[in-house]
Amino acid sequence: MTPERPPPLPHRHSDGSVPRSRWWQPAVVN
């Protein structure tokens, strides 16, 4: 039984900031 992997980190801009429109959305919806 393998543990579930956490969703990947959100994409970042070149300056390191997280885009405002999608930072809270996980990669997979449970």
mmCIF file of all heavy atoms, coordinates in Angstrom:
data_MODEL
# 
_entry.id   MODEL 
# 
loop_
_atom_site.group_PDB 
_atom_site.id 
_atom_site.type_symbol 
_atom_site.label_atom_id 
_atom_site.label_alt_id 
_atom_site.label_comp_id 
_atom_site.label_asym_id 
_atom_site.label_entity_id 
_atom_site.label_seq_id 
_atom_site.pdbx_PDB_ins_code 
_atom_site.Cartn_x 
_atom_site.Cartn_y 
_atom_site.Cartn_z 
_atom_site.occupancy 
_atom_site.B_iso_or_equiv 
_atom_site.pdbx_formal_charge 
_atom_site.auth_seq_id 
_atom_site.auth_comp_id 
_atom_site.auth_asym_id 
_atom_site.auth_atom_id 
_atom_site.pdbx_PDB_model_num 
ATOM 1   N N   . MET A 1 1  ? 0.847   -1.172 0.000   1.00 0.00 ? 1  MET A N   1 
ATOM 2   C CA  . MET A 1 1  ? 0.000   0.000  0.000   1.00 0.00 ? 1  MET A CA  1 
ATOM 3   C C   . MET A 1 1  ? 0.895   1.238  0.000   1.00 0.00 ? 1  MET A C   1 
ATOM 4   O O   . MET A 1 1  ? 1.637   1.483  0.946   1.00 0.00 ? 1  MET A O   1 
ATOM 5   C CB  . MET A 1 1  ? -0.885  -0.043 1.229   1.00 0.00 ? 1  MET A CB  1 
ATOM 6   C CG  . MET A 1 1  ? -1.822  1.073  1.332   1.00 0.00 ? 1  MET A CG  1 
ATOM 7   S SD  . MET A 1 1  ? -2.874  0.753  2.762   1.00 0.00 ? 1  MET A SD  1 
ATOM 8   C CE  . MET A 1 1  ? -4.170  1.829  2.367   1.00 0.00 ? 1  MET A CE  1 
ATOM 9   N N   . THR A 1 2  ? 0.835   1.994  -1.053  1.00 0.00 ? 2  THR A N   1 
ATOM 10  C CA  . THR A 1 2  ? 1.667   3.184  -1.157  1.00 0.00 ? 2  THR A CA  1 
ATOM 11  C C   . THR A 1 2  ? 0.878   4.400  -0.700  1.00 0.00 ? 2  THR A C   1 
ATOM 12  O O   . THR A 1 2  ? -0.302  4.539  -1.015  1.00 0.00 ? 2  THR A O   1 
ATOM 13  C CB  . THR A 1 2  ? 2.122   3.396  -2.619  1.00 0.00 ? 2  THR A CB  1 
ATOM 14  O OG1 . THR A 1 2  ? 0.960   3.573  -3.427  1.00 0.00 ? 2  THR A OG1 1 
ATOM 15  C CG2 . THR A 1 2  ? 2.928   2.214  -3.108  1.00 0.00 ? 2  THR A CG2 1 
ATOM 16  N N   . PRO A 1 3  ? 1.510   5.272  0.072   1.00 0.00 ? 3  PRO A N   1 
ATOM 17  C CA  . PRO A 1 3  ? 0.798   6.469  0.527   1.00 0.00 ? 3  PRO A CA  1 
ATOM 18  C C   . PRO A 1 3  ? 0.554   7.406  -0.656  1.00 0.00 ? 3  PRO A C   1 
ATOM 19  O O   . PRO A 1 3  ? 1.317   7.445  -1.611  1.00 0.00 ? 3  PRO A O   1 
ATOM 20  C CB  . PRO A 1 3  ? 1.743   7.088  1.549   1.00 0.00 ? 3  PRO A CB  1 
ATOM 21  C CG  . PRO A 1 3  ? 3.086   6.561  1.207   1.00 0.00 ? 3  PRO A CG  1 
ATOM 22  C CD  . PRO A 1 3  ? 2.865   5.209  0.593   1.00 0.00 ? 3  PRO A CD  1 
ATOM 23  N N   . GLU A 1 4  ? -0.548  8.165  -0.559  1.00 0.00 ? 4  GLU A N   1 
ATOM 24  C CA  . GLU A 1 4  ? -0.845  9.127  -1.608  1.00 0.00 ? 4  GLU A CA  1 
ATOM 25  C C   . GLU A 1 4  ? 0.169   10.260 -1.559  1.00 0.00 ? 4  GLU A C   1 
ATOM 26  O O   . GLU A 1 4  ? 0.525   10.750 -0.497  1.00 0.00 ? 4  GLU A O   1 
ATOM 27  C CB  . GLU A 1 4  ? -2.248  9.688  -1.421  1.00 0.00 ? 4  GLU A CB  1 
ATOM 28  C CG  . GLU A 1 4  ? -3.330  8.705  -1.714  1.00 0.00 ? 4  GLU A CG  1 
ATOM 29  C CD  . GLU A 1 4  ? -4.696  9.361  -1.608  1.00 0.00 ? 4  GLU A CD  1 
ATOM 30  O OE1 . GLU A 1 4  ? -4.799  10.570 -1.850  1.00 0.00 ? 4  GLU A OE1 1 
ATOM 31  O OE2 . GLU A 1 4  ? -5.645  8.650  -1.286  1.00 0.00 ? 4  GLU A OE2 1 
ATOM 32  N N   . ARG A 1 5  ? 0.597   10.650 -2.740  1.00 0.00 ? 5  ARG A N   1 
ATOM 33  C CA  . ARG A 1 5  ? 1.533   11.769 -2.811  1.00 0.00 ? 5  ARG A CA  1 
ATOM 34  C C   . ARG A 1 5  ? 0.761   13.072 -2.746  1.00 0.00 ? 5  ARG A C   1 
ATOM 35  O O   . ARG A 1 5  ? -0.330  13.176 -3.282  1.00 0.00 ? 5  ARG A O   1 
ATOM 36  C CB  . ARG A 1 5  ? 2.323   11.713 -4.113  1.00 0.00 ? 5  ARG A CB  1 
ATOM 37  C CG  . ARG A 1 5  ? 3.249   10.537 -4.133  1.00 0.00 ? 5  ARG A CG  1 
ATOM 38  C CD  . ARG A 1 5  ? 4.090   10.431 -5.355  1.00 0.00 ? 5  ARG A CD  1 
ATOM 39  N NE  . ARG A 1 5  ? 3.860   11.448 -6.354  1.00 0.00 ? 5  ARG A NE  1 
ATOM 40  C CZ  . ARG A 1 5  ? 4.609   11.591 -7.431  1.00 0.00 ? 5  ARG A CZ  1 
ATOM 41  N NH1 . ARG A 1 5  ? 5.609   10.785 -7.636  1.00 0.00 ? 5  ARG A NH1 1 
ATOM 42  N NH2 . ARG A 1 5  ? 4.353   12.519 -8.310  1.00 0.00 ? 5  ARG A NH2 1 
ATOM 43  N N   . PRO A 1 6  ? 1.303   14.072 -2.070  1.00 0.00 ? 6  PRO A N   1 
ATOM 44  C CA  . PRO A 1 6  ? 0.610   15.356 -2.019  1.00 0.00 ? 6  PRO A CA  1 
ATOM 45  C C   . PRO A 1 6  ? 0.607   15.989 -3.406  1.00 0.00 ? 6  PRO A C   1 
ATOM 46  O O   . PRO A 1 6  ? 1.438   15.656 -4.254  1.00 0.00 ? 6  PRO A O   1 
ATOM 47  C CB  . PRO A 1 6  ? 1.441   16.178 -1.029  1.00 0.00 ? 6  PRO A CB  1 
ATOM 48  C CG  . PRO A 1 6  ? 2.770   15.542 -1.036  1.00 0.00 ? 6  PRO A CG  1 
ATOM 49  C CD  . PRO A 1 6  ? 2.552   14.089 -1.327  1.00 0.00 ? 6  PRO A CD  1 
ATOM 50  N N   . PRO A 1 7  ? -0.356  16.885 -3.667  1.00 0.00 ? 7  PRO A N   1 
ATOM 51  C CA  . PRO A 1 7  ? -0.384  17.518 -4.974  1.00 0.00 ? 7  PRO A CA  1 
ATOM 52  C C   . PRO A 1 7  ? 0.875   18.344 -5.195  1.00 0.00 ? 7  PRO A C   1 
ATOM 53  O O   . PRO A 1 7  ? 1.494   18.820 -4.236  1.00 0.00 ? 7  PRO A O   1 
ATOM 54  C CB  . PRO A 1 7  ? -1.628  18.403 -4.920  1.00 0.00 ? 7  PRO A CB  1 
ATOM 55  C CG  . PRO A 1 7  ? -1.958  18.553 -3.498  1.00 0.00 ? 7  PRO A CG  1 
ATOM 56  C CD  . PRO A 1 7  ? -1.403  17.363 -2.790  1.00 0.00 ? 7  PRO A CD  1 
ATOM 57  N N   . PRO A 1 8  ? 1.272   18.505 -6.440  1.00 0.00 ? 8  PRO A N   1 
ATOM 58  C CA  . PRO A 1 8  ? 2.481   19.292 -6.704  1.00 0.00 ? 8  PRO A CA  1 
ATOM 59  C C   . PRO A 1 8  ? 2.276   20.748 -6.311  1.00 0.00 ? 8  PRO A C   1 
ATOM 60  O O   . PRO A 1 8  ? 1.154   21.235 -6.229  1.00 0.00 ? 8  PRO A O   1 
ATOM 61  C CB  . PRO A 1 8  ? 2.679   19.144 -8.213  1.00 0.00 ? 8  PRO A CB  1 
ATOM 62  C CG  . PRO A 1 8  ? 1.346   18.790 -8.743  1.00 0.00 ? 8  PRO A CG  1 
ATOM 63  C CD  . PRO A 1 8  ? 0.653   18.029 -7.659  1.00 0.00 ? 8  PRO A CD  1 
ATOM 64  N N   . LEU A 1 9  ? 3.376   21.415 -6.060  1.00 0.00 ? 9  LEU A N   1 
ATOM 65  C CA  . LEU A 1 9  ? 3.313   22.824 -5.718  1.00 0.00 ? 9  LEU A CA  1 
ATOM 66  C C   . LEU A 1 9  ? 2.802   23.616 -6.912  1.00 0.00 ? 9  LEU A C   1 
ATOM 67  O O   . LEU A 1 9  ? 2.986   23.222 -8.060  1.00 0.00 ? 9  LEU A O   1 
ATOM 68  C CB  . LEU A 1 9  ? 4.698   23.330 -5.313  1.00 0.00 ? 9  LEU A CB  1 
ATOM 69  C CG  . LEU A 1 9  ? 5.246   22.759 -4.009  1.00 0.00 ? 9  LEU A CG  1 
ATOM 70  C CD1 . LEU A 1 9  ? 6.669   23.225 -3.796  1.00 0.00 ? 9  LEU A CD1 1 
ATOM 71  C CD2 . LEU A 1 9  ? 4.376   23.182 -2.852  1.00 0.00 ? 9  LEU A CD2 1 
ATOM 72  N N   . PRO A 1 10 ? 2.151   24.755 -6.648  1.00 0.00 ? 10 PRO A N   1 
ATOM 73  C CA  . PRO A 1 10 ? 1.643   25.538 -7.765  1.00 0.00 ? 10 PRO A CA  1 
ATOM 74  C C   . PRO A 1 10 ? 2.787   26.104 -8.600  1.00 0.00 ? 10 PRO A C   1 
ATOM 75  O O   . PRO A 1 10 ? 3.912   26.260 -8.124  1.00 0.00 ? 10 PRO A O   1 
ATOM 76  C CB  . PRO A 1 10 ? 0.849   26.652 -7.088  1.00 0.00 ? 10 PRO A CB  1 
ATOM 77  C CG  . PRO A 1 10 ? 1.280   26.671 -5.680  1.00 0.00 ? 10 PRO A CG  1 
ATOM 78  C CD  . PRO A 1 10 ? 1.817   25.322 -5.358  1.00 0.00 ? 10 PRO A CD  1 
ATOM 79  N N   . HIS A 1 11 ? 2.465   26.389 -9.833  1.00 0.00 ? 11 HIS A N   1 
ATOM 80  C CA  . HIS A 1 11 ? 3.465   26.982 -10.719 1.00 0.00 ? 11 HIS A CA  1 
ATOM 81  C C   . HIS A 1 11 ? 3.838   28.366 -10.207 1.00 0.00 ? 11 HIS A C   1 
ATOM 82  O O   . HIS A 1 11 ? 3.036   29.072 -9.642  1.00 0.00 ? 11 HIS A O   1 
ATOM 83  C CB  . HIS A 1 11 ? 2.913   27.098 -12.138 1.00 0.00 ? 11 HIS A CB  1 
ATOM 84  C CG  . HIS A 1 11 ? 2.533   25.775 -12.719 1.00 0.00 ? 11 HIS A CG  1 
ATOM 85  N ND1 . HIS A 1 11 ? 3.449   24.814 -13.052 1.00 0.00 ? 11 HIS A ND1 1 
ATOM 86  C CD2 . HIS A 1 11 ? 1.326   25.241 -13.013 1.00 0.00 ? 11 HIS A CD2 1 
ATOM 87  C CE1 . HIS A 1 11 ? 2.832   23.752 -13.534 1.00 0.00 ? 11 HIS A CE1 1 
ATOM 88  N NE2 . HIS A 1 11 ? 1.524   23.981 -13.513 1.00 0.00 ? 11 HIS A NE2 1 
ATOM 89  N N   . ARG A 1 12 ? 5.079   28.739 -10.442 1.00 0.00 ? 12 ARG A N   1 
ATOM 90  C CA  . ARG A 1 12 ? 5.545   30.048 -9.987  1.00 0.00 ? 12 ARG A CA  1 
ATOM 91  C C   . ARG A 1 12 ? 6.020   30.865 -11.176 1.00 0.00 ? 12 ARG A C   1 
ATOM 92  O O   . ARG A 1 12 ? 6.459   30.330 -12.174 1.00 0.00 ? 12 ARG A O   1 
ATOM 93  C CB  . ARG A 1 12 ? 6.686   29.890 -8.988  1.00 0.00 ? 12 ARG A CB  1 
ATOM 94  C CG  . ARG A 1 12 ? 6.262   29.186 -7.722  1.00 0.00 ? 12 ARG A CG  1 
ATOM 95  C CD  . ARG A 1 12 ? 7.394   29.219 -6.697  1.00 0.00 ? 12 ARG A CD  1 
ATOM 96  N NE  . ARG A 1 12 ? 6.995   28.553 -5.483  1.00 0.00 ? 12 ARG A NE  1 
ATOM 97  C CZ  . ARG A 1 12 ? 6.359   29.144 -4.483  1.00 0.00 ? 12 ARG A CZ  1 
ATOM 98  N NH1 . ARG A 1 12 ? 6.053   30.405 -4.556  1.00 0.00 ? 12 ARG A NH1 1 
ATOM 99  N NH2 . ARG A 1 12 ? 6.034   28.467 -3.409  1.00 0.00 ? 12 ARG A NH2 1 
ATOM 100 N N   . HIS A 1 13 ? 5.913   32.180 -11.016 1.00 0.00 ? 13 HIS A N   1 
ATOM 101 C CA  . HIS A 1 13 ? 6.446   33.080 -12.027 1.00 0.00 ? 13 HIS A CA  1 
ATOM 102 C C   . HIS A 1 13 ? 7.965   33.091 -11.927 1.00 0.00 ? 13 HIS A C   1 
ATOM 103 O O   . HIS A 1 13 ? 8.566   32.556 -10.991 1.00 0.00 ? 13 HIS A O   1 
ATOM 104 C CB  . HIS A 1 13 ? 5.916   34.504 -11.815 1.00 0.00 ? 13 HIS A CB  1 
ATOM 105 C CG  . HIS A 1 13 ? 4.465   34.649 -12.134 1.00 0.00 ? 13 HIS A CG  1 
ATOM 106 N ND1 . HIS A 1 13 ? 3.946   34.471 -13.384 1.00 0.00 ? 13 HIS A ND1 1 
ATOM 107 C CD2 . HIS A 1 13 ? 3.406   34.960 -11.336 1.00 0.00 ? 13 HIS A CD2 1 
ATOM 108 C CE1 . HIS A 1 13 ? 2.650   34.676 -13.371 1.00 0.00 ? 13 HIS A CE1 1 
ATOM 109 N NE2 . HIS A 1 13 ? 2.290   34.964 -12.125 1.00 0.00 ? 13 HIS A NE2 1 
ATOM 110 N N   . SER A 1 14 ? 8.589   33.723 -12.887 1.00 0.00 ? 14 SER A N   1 
ATOM 111 C CA  . SER A 1 14 ? 10.059  33.785 -12.884 1.00 0.00 ? 14 SER A CA  1 
ATOM 112 C C   . SER A 1 14 ? 10.587  34.558 -11.676 1.00 0.00 ? 14 SER A C   1 
ATOM 113 O O   . SER A 1 14 ? 11.709  34.328 -11.234 1.00 0.00 ? 14 SER A O   1 
ATOM 114 C CB  . SER A 1 14 ? 10.563  34.413 -14.184 1.00 0.00 ? 14 SER A CB  1 
ATOM 115 O OG  . SER A 1 14 ? 10.017  35.717 -14.326 1.00 0.00 ? 14 SER A OG  1 
ATOM 116 N N   . ASP A 1 15 ? 9.786   35.472 -11.128 1.00 0.00 ? 15 ASP A N   1 
ATOM 117 C CA  . ASP A 1 15 ? 10.240  36.221 -9.958  1.00 0.00 ? 15 ASP A CA  1 
ATOM 118 C C   . ASP A 1 15 ? 9.947   35.482 -8.648  1.00 0.00 ? 15 ASP A C   1 
ATOM 119 O O   . ASP A 1 15 ? 10.229  35.979 -7.577  1.00 0.00 ? 15 ASP A O   1 
ATOM 120 C CB  . ASP A 1 15 ? 9.614   37.611 -9.939  1.00 0.00 ? 15 ASP A CB  1 
ATOM 121 C CG  . ASP A 1 15 ? 8.103   37.573 -9.827  1.00 0.00 ? 15 ASP A CG  1 
ATOM 122 O OD1 . ASP A 1 15 ? 7.522   36.472 -9.925  1.00 0.00 ? 15 ASP A OD1 1 
ATOM 123 O OD2 . ASP A 1 15 ? 7.510   38.651 -9.645  1.00 0.00 ? 15 ASP A OD2 1 
ATOM 124 N N   . GLY A 1 16 ? 9.356   34.280 -8.736  1.00 0.00 ? 16 GLY A N   1 
ATOM 125 C CA  . GLY A 1 16 ? 9.092   33.471 -7.550  1.00 0.00 ? 16 GLY A CA  1 
ATOM 126 C C   . GLY A 1 16 ? 7.703   33.644 -6.972  1.00 0.00 ? 16 GLY A C   1 
ATOM 127 O O   . GLY A 1 16 ? 7.339   32.958 -6.033  1.00 0.00 ? 16 GLY A O   1 
ATOM 128 N N   . SER A 1 17 ? 6.916   34.565 -7.523  1.00 0.00 ? 17 SER A N   1 
ATOM 129 C CA  . SER A 1 17 ? 5.572   34.771 -6.985  1.00 0.00 ? 17 SER A CA  1 
ATOM 130 C C   . SER A 1 17 ? 4.610   33.729 -7.553  1.00 0.00 ? 17 SER A C   1 
ATOM 131 O O   . SER A 1 17 ? 4.822   33.178 -8.627  1.00 0.00 ? 17 SER A O   1 
ATOM 132 C CB  . SER A 1 17 ? 5.076   36.187 -7.312  1.00 0.00 ? 17 SER A CB  1 
ATOM 133 O OG  . SER A 1 17 ? 4.938   36.332 -8.711  1.00 0.00 ? 17 SER A OG  1 
ATOM 134 N N   . VAL A 1 18 ? 3.563   33.476 -6.801  1.00 0.00 ? 18 VAL A N   1 
ATOM 135 C CA  . VAL A 1 18 ? 2.546   32.506 -7.208  1.00 0.00 ? 18 VAL A CA  1 
ATOM 136 C C   . VAL A 1 18 ? 1.439   33.261 -7.945  1.00 0.00 ? 18 VAL A C   1 
ATOM 137 O O   . VAL A 1 18 ? 1.015   34.318 -7.494  1.00 0.00 ? 18 VAL A O   1 
ATOM 138 C CB  . VAL A 1 18 ? 1.972   31.785 -5.965  1.00 0.00 ? 18 VAL A CB  1 
ATOM 139 C CG1 . VAL A 1 18 ? 0.863   30.833 -6.357  1.00 0.00 ? 18 VAL A CG1 1 
ATOM 140 C CG2 . VAL A 1 18 ? 3.072   31.068 -5.228  1.00 0.00 ? 18 VAL A CG2 1 
ATOM 141 N N   . PRO A 1 19 ? 0.954   32.758 -9.080  1.00 0.00 ? 19 PRO A N   1 
ATOM 142 C CA  . PRO A 1 19 ? -0.143  33.448 -9.771  1.00 0.00 ? 19 PRO A CA  1 
ATOM 143 C C   . PRO A 1 19 ? -1.369  33.545 -8.872  1.00 0.00 ? 19 PRO A C   1 
ATOM 144 O O   . PRO A 1 19 ? -1.724  32.613 -8.166  1.00 0.00 ? 19 PRO A O   1 
ATOM 145 C CB  . PRO A 1 19 ? -0.434  32.548 -10.980 1.00 0.00 ? 19 PRO A CB  1 
ATOM 146 C CG  . PRO A 1 19 ? 0.767   31.692 -11.148 1.00 0.00 ? 19 PRO A CG  1 
ATOM 147 C CD  . PRO A 1 19 ? 1.415   31.582 -9.805  1.00 0.00 ? 19 PRO A CD  1 
ATOM 148 N N   . ARG A 1 20 ? -2.025  34.690 -8.879  1.00 0.00 ? 20 ARG A N   1 
ATOM 149 C CA  . ARG A 1 20 ? -3.142  34.949 -7.978  1.00 0.00 ? 20 ARG A CA  1 
ATOM 150 C C   . ARG A 1 20 ? -4.362  34.101 -8.280  1.00 0.00 ? 20 ARG A C   1 
ATOM 151 O O   . ARG A 1 20 ? -5.097  33.735 -7.393  1.00 0.00 ? 20 ARG A O   1 
ATOM 152 C CB  . ARG A 1 20 ? -3.521  36.415 -8.042  1.00 0.00 ? 20 ARG A CB  1 
ATOM 153 C CG  . ARG A 1 20 ? -2.475  37.318 -7.476  1.00 0.00 ? 20 ARG A CG  1 
ATOM 154 C CD  . ARG A 1 20 ? -2.973  38.737 -7.480  1.00 0.00 ? 20 ARG A CD  1 
ATOM 155 N NE  . ARG A 1 20 ? -4.142  38.883 -6.641  1.00 0.00 ? 20 ARG A NE  1 
ATOM 156 C CZ  . ARG A 1 20 ? -4.135  39.281 -5.382  1.00 0.00 ? 20 ARG A CZ  1 
ATOM 157 N NH1 . ARG A 1 20 ? -2.993  39.564 -4.818  1.00 0.00 ? 20 ARG A NH1 1 
ATOM 158 N NH2 . ARG A 1 20 ? -5.240  39.396 -4.693  1.00 0.00 ? 20 ARG A NH2 1 
ATOM 159 N N   . SER A 1 21 ? -4.621  33.766 -9.524  1.00 0.00 ? 21 SER A N   1 
ATOM 160 C CA  . SER A 1 21 ? -5.876  33.123 -9.858  1.00 0.00 ? 21 SER A CA  1 
ATOM 161 C C   . SER A 1 21 ? -5.898  31.630 -9.540  1.00 0.00 ? 21 SER A C   1 
ATOM 162 O O   . SER A 1 21 ? -6.965  31.052 -9.438  1.00 0.00 ? 21 SER A O   1 
ATOM 163 C CB  . SER A 1 21 ? -6.186  33.328 -11.339 1.00 0.00 ? 21 SER A CB  1 
ATOM 164 O OG  . SER A 1 21 ? -5.181  32.732 -12.123 1.00 0.00 ? 21 SER A OG  1 
ATOM 165 N N   . ARG A 1 22 ? -4.772  30.976 -9.371  1.00 0.00 ? 22 ARG A N   1 
ATOM 166 C CA  . ARG A 1 22 ? -4.793  29.535 -9.205  1.00 0.00 ? 22 ARG A CA  1 
ATOM 167 C C   . ARG A 1 22 ? -3.938  29.018 -8.040  1.00 0.00 ? 22 ARG A C   1 
ATOM 168 O O   . ARG A 1 22 ? -3.705  27.838 -7.947  1.00 0.00 ? 22 ARG A O   1 
ATOM 169 C CB  . ARG A 1 22 ? -4.305  28.874 -10.494 1.00 0.00 ? 22 ARG A CB  1 
ATOM 170 C CG  . ARG A 1 22 ? -5.081  29.374 -11.699 1.00 0.00 ? 22 ARG A CG  1 
ATOM 171 C CD  . ARG A 1 22 ? -4.890  28.521 -12.855 1.00 0.00 ? 22 ARG A CD  1 
ATOM 172 N NE  . ARG A 1 22 ? -5.862  27.443 -12.690 1.00 0.00 ? 22 ARG A NE  1 
ATOM 173 C CZ  . ARG A 1 22 ? -5.779  26.297 -13.294 1.00 0.00 ? 22 ARG A CZ  1 
ATOM 174 N NH1 . ARG A 1 22 ? -4.790  26.048 -14.097 1.00 0.00 ? 22 ARG A NH1 1 
ATOM 175 N NH2 . ARG A 1 22 ? -6.683  25.369 -13.119 1.00 0.00 ? 22 ARG A NH2 1 
ATOM 176 N N   . TRP A 1 23 ? -3.481  29.838 -7.153  1.00 0.00 ? 23 TRP A N   1 
ATOM 177 C CA  . TRP A 1 23 ? -2.571  29.367 -6.111  1.00 0.00 ? 23 TRP A CA  1 
ATOM 178 C C   . TRP A 1 23 ? -3.252  28.418 -5.142  1.00 0.00 ? 23 TRP A C   1 
ATOM 179 O O   . TRP A 1 23 ? -2.616  27.575 -4.532  1.00 0.00 ? 23 TRP A O   1 
ATOM 180 C CB  . TRP A 1 23 ? -1.952  30.538 -5.349  1.00 0.00 ? 23 TRP A CB  1 
ATOM 181 C CG  . TRP A 1 23 ? -2.918  31.290 -4.504  1.00 0.00 ? 23 TRP A CG  1 
ATOM 182 C CD1 . TRP A 1 23 ? -3.649  32.377 -4.869  1.00 0.00 ? 23 TRP A CD1 1 
ATOM 183 C CD2 . TRP A 1 23 ? -3.283  31.002 -3.169  1.00 0.00 ? 23 TRP A CD2 1 
ATOM 184 N NE1 . TRP A 1 23 ? -4.443  32.789 -3.853  1.00 0.00 ? 23 TRP A NE1 1 
ATOM 185 C CE2 . TRP A 1 23 ? -4.247  31.952 -2.786  1.00 0.00 ? 23 TRP A CE2 1 
ATOM 186 C CE3 . TRP A 1 23 ? -2.907  30.031 -2.246  1.00 0.00 ? 23 TRP A CE3 1 
ATOM 187 C CZ2 . TRP A 1 23 ? -4.817  31.963 -1.531  1.00 0.00 ? 23 TRP A CZ2 1 
ATOM 188 C CZ3 . TRP A 1 23 ? -3.494  30.052 -0.999  1.00 0.00 ? 23 TRP A CZ3 1 
ATOM 189 C CH2 . TRP A 1 23 ? -4.416  31.007 -0.654  1.00 0.00 ? 23 TRP A CH2 1 
ATOM 190 N N   . TRP A 1 24 ? -4.569  28.496 -4.959  1.00 0.00 ? 24 TRP A N   1 
ATOM 191 C CA  . TRP A 1 24 ? -5.277  27.674 -3.980  1.00 0.00 ? 24 TRP A CA  1 
ATOM 192 C C   . TRP A 1 24 ? -5.792  26.373 -4.547  1.00 0.00 ? 24 TRP A C   1 
ATOM 193 O O   . TRP A 1 24 ? -6.239  25.516 -3.794  1.00 0.00 ? 24 TRP A O   1 
ATOM 194 C CB  . TRP A 1 24 ? -6.451  28.459 -3.410  1.00 0.00 ? 24 TRP A CB  1 
ATOM 195 C CG  . TRP A 1 24 ? -7.447  28.850 -4.455  1.00 0.00 ? 24 TRP A CG  1 
ATOM 196 C CD1 . TRP A 1 24 ? -7.408  29.959 -5.246  1.00 0.00 ? 24 TRP A CD1 1 
ATOM 197 C CD2 . TRP A 1 24 ? -8.591  28.127 -4.845  1.00 0.00 ? 24 TRP A CD2 1 
ATOM 198 N NE1 . TRP A 1 24 ? -8.462  29.967 -6.095  1.00 0.00 ? 24 TRP A NE1 1 
ATOM 199 C CE2 . TRP A 1 24 ? -9.210  28.840 -5.882  1.00 0.00 ? 24 TRP A CE2 1 
ATOM 200 C CE3 . TRP A 1 24 ? -9.165  26.938 -4.444  1.00 0.00 ? 24 TRP A CE3 1 
ATOM 201 C CZ2 . TRP A 1 24 ? -10.363 28.420 -6.500  1.00 0.00 ? 24 TRP A CZ2 1 
ATOM 202 C CZ3 . TRP A 1 24 ? -10.325 26.521 -5.073  1.00 0.00 ? 24 TRP A CZ3 1 
ATOM 203 C CH2 . TRP A 1 24 ? -10.912 27.265 -6.080  1.00 0.00 ? 24 TRP A CH2 1 
ATOM 204 N N   . GLN A 1 25 ? -5.764  26.193 -5.849  1.00 0.00 ? 25 GLN A N   1 
ATOM 205 C CA  . GLN A 1 25 ? -6.349  25.002 -6.461  1.00 0.00 ? 25 GLN A CA  1 
ATOM 206 C C   . GLN A 1 25 ? -5.357  23.847 -6.443  1.00 0.00 ? 25 GLN A C   1 
ATOM 207 O O   . GLN A 1 25 ? -4.272  23.955 -6.988  1.00 0.00 ? 25 GLN A O   1 
ATOM 208 C CB  . GLN A 1 25 ? -6.764  25.290 -7.895  1.00 0.00 ? 25 GLN A CB  1 
ATOM 209 C CG  . GLN A 1 25 ? -7.906  26.262 -7.986  1.00 0.00 ? 25 GLN A CG  1 
ATOM 210 C CD  . GLN A 1 25 ? -8.269  26.563 -9.420  1.00 0.00 ? 25 GLN A CD  1 
ATOM 211 O OE1 . GLN A 1 25 ? -7.484  26.348 -10.315 1.00 0.00 ? 25 GLN A OE1 1 
ATOM 212 N NE2 . GLN A 1 25 ? -9.461  27.066 -9.613  1.00 0.00 ? 25 GLN A NE2 1 
ATOM 213 N N   . PRO A 1 26 ? -5.728  22.727 -5.860  1.00 0.00 ? 26 PRO A N   1 
ATOM 214 C CA  . PRO A 1 26 ? -4.844  21.565 -5.892  1.00 0.00 ? 26 PRO A CA  1 
ATOM 215 C C   . PRO A 1 26 ? -4.829  20.946 -7.290  1.00 0.00 ? 26 PRO A C   1 
ATOM 216 O O   . PRO A 1 26 ? -5.689  21.229 -8.122  1.00 0.00 ? 26 PRO A O   1 
ATOM 217 C CB  . PRO A 1 26 ? -5.470  20.612 -4.876  1.00 0.00 ? 26 PRO A CB  1 
ATOM 218 C CG  . PRO A 1 26 ? -6.893  21.000 -4.830  1.00 0.00 ? 26 PRO A CG  1 
ATOM 219 C CD  . PRO A 1 26 ? -6.943  22.472 -5.097  1.00 0.00 ? 26 PRO A CD  1 
ATOM 220 N N   . ALA A 1 27 ? -3.847  20.103 -7.536  1.00 0.00 ? 27 ALA A N   1 
ATOM 221 C CA  . ALA A 1 27 ? -3.730  19.469 -8.850  1.00 0.00 ? 27 ALA A CA  1 
ATOM 222 C C   . ALA A 1 27 ? -4.882  18.503 -9.088  1.00 0.00 ? 27 ALA A C   1 
ATOM 223 O O   . ALA A 1 27 ? -5.361  18.361 -10.198 1.00 0.00 ? 27 ALA A O   1 
ATOM 224 C CB  . ALA A 1 27 ? -2.397  18.740 -8.962  1.00 0.00 ? 27 ALA A CB  1 
ATOM 225 N N   . VAL A 1 28 ? -5.340  17.816 -8.048  1.00 0.00 ? 28 VAL A N   1 
ATOM 226 C CA  . VAL A 1 28 ? -6.418  16.840 -8.170  1.00 0.00 ? 28 VAL A CA  1 
ATOM 227 C C   . VAL A 1 28 ? -7.522  17.205 -7.194  1.00 0.00 ? 28 VAL A C   1 
ATOM 228 O O   . VAL A 1 28 ? -7.265  17.502 -6.029  1.00 0.00 ? 28 VAL A O   1 
ATOM 229 C CB  . VAL A 1 28 ? -5.887  15.416 -7.858  1.00 0.00 ? 28 VAL A CB  1 
ATOM 230 C CG1 . VAL A 1 28 ? -7.004  14.408 -7.913  1.00 0.00 ? 28 VAL A CG1 1 
ATOM 231 C CG2 . VAL A 1 28 ? -4.773  15.046 -8.810  1.00 0.00 ? 28 VAL A CG2 1 
ATOM 232 N N   . VAL A 1 29 ? -8.761  17.191 -7.668  1.00 0.00 ? 29 VAL A N   1 
ATOM 233 C CA  . VAL A 1 29 ? -9.899  17.476 -6.811  1.00 0.00 ? 29 VAL A CA  1 
ATOM 234 C C   . VAL A 1 29 ? -10.359 16.174 -6.165  1.00 0.00 ? 29 VAL A C   1 
ATOM 235 O O   . VAL A 1 29 ? -10.608 15.187 -6.847  1.00 0.00 ? 29 VAL A O   1 
ATOM 236 C CB  . VAL A 1 29 ? -11.059 18.095 -7.628  1.00 0.00 ? 29 VAL A CB  1 
ATOM 237 C CG1 . VAL A 1 29 ? -12.287 18.250 -6.770  1.00 0.00 ? 29 VAL A CG1 1 
ATOM 238 C CG2 . VAL A 1 29 ? -10.637 19.424 -8.210  1.00 0.00 ? 29 VAL A CG2 1 
ATOM 239 N N   . ASN A 1 30 ? -10.453 16.149 -4.843  1.00 0.00 ? 30 ASN A N   1 
ATOM 240 C CA  . ASN A 1 30 ? -10.938 14.984 -4.125  1.00 0.00 ? 30 ASN A CA  1 
ATOM 241 C C   . ASN A 1 30 ? -12.454 15.107 -4.008  1.00 0.00 ? 30 ASN A C   1 
ATOM 242 O O   . ASN A 1 30 ? -12.974 15.853 -3.177  1.00 0.00 ? 30 ASN A O   1 
ATOM 243 C CB  . ASN A 1 30 ? -10.289 14.901 -2.746  1.00 0.00 ? 30 ASN A CB  1 
ATOM 244 C CG  . ASN A 1 30 ? -10.581 13.599 -2.057  1.00 0.00 ? 30 ASN A CG  1 
ATOM 245 O OD1 . ASN A 1 30 ? -11.485 12.855 -2.434  1.00 0.00 ? 30 ASN A OD1 1 
ATOM 246 N ND2 . ASN A 1 30 ? -9.797  13.312 -1.026  1.00 0.00 ? 30 ASN A ND2 1 
# 
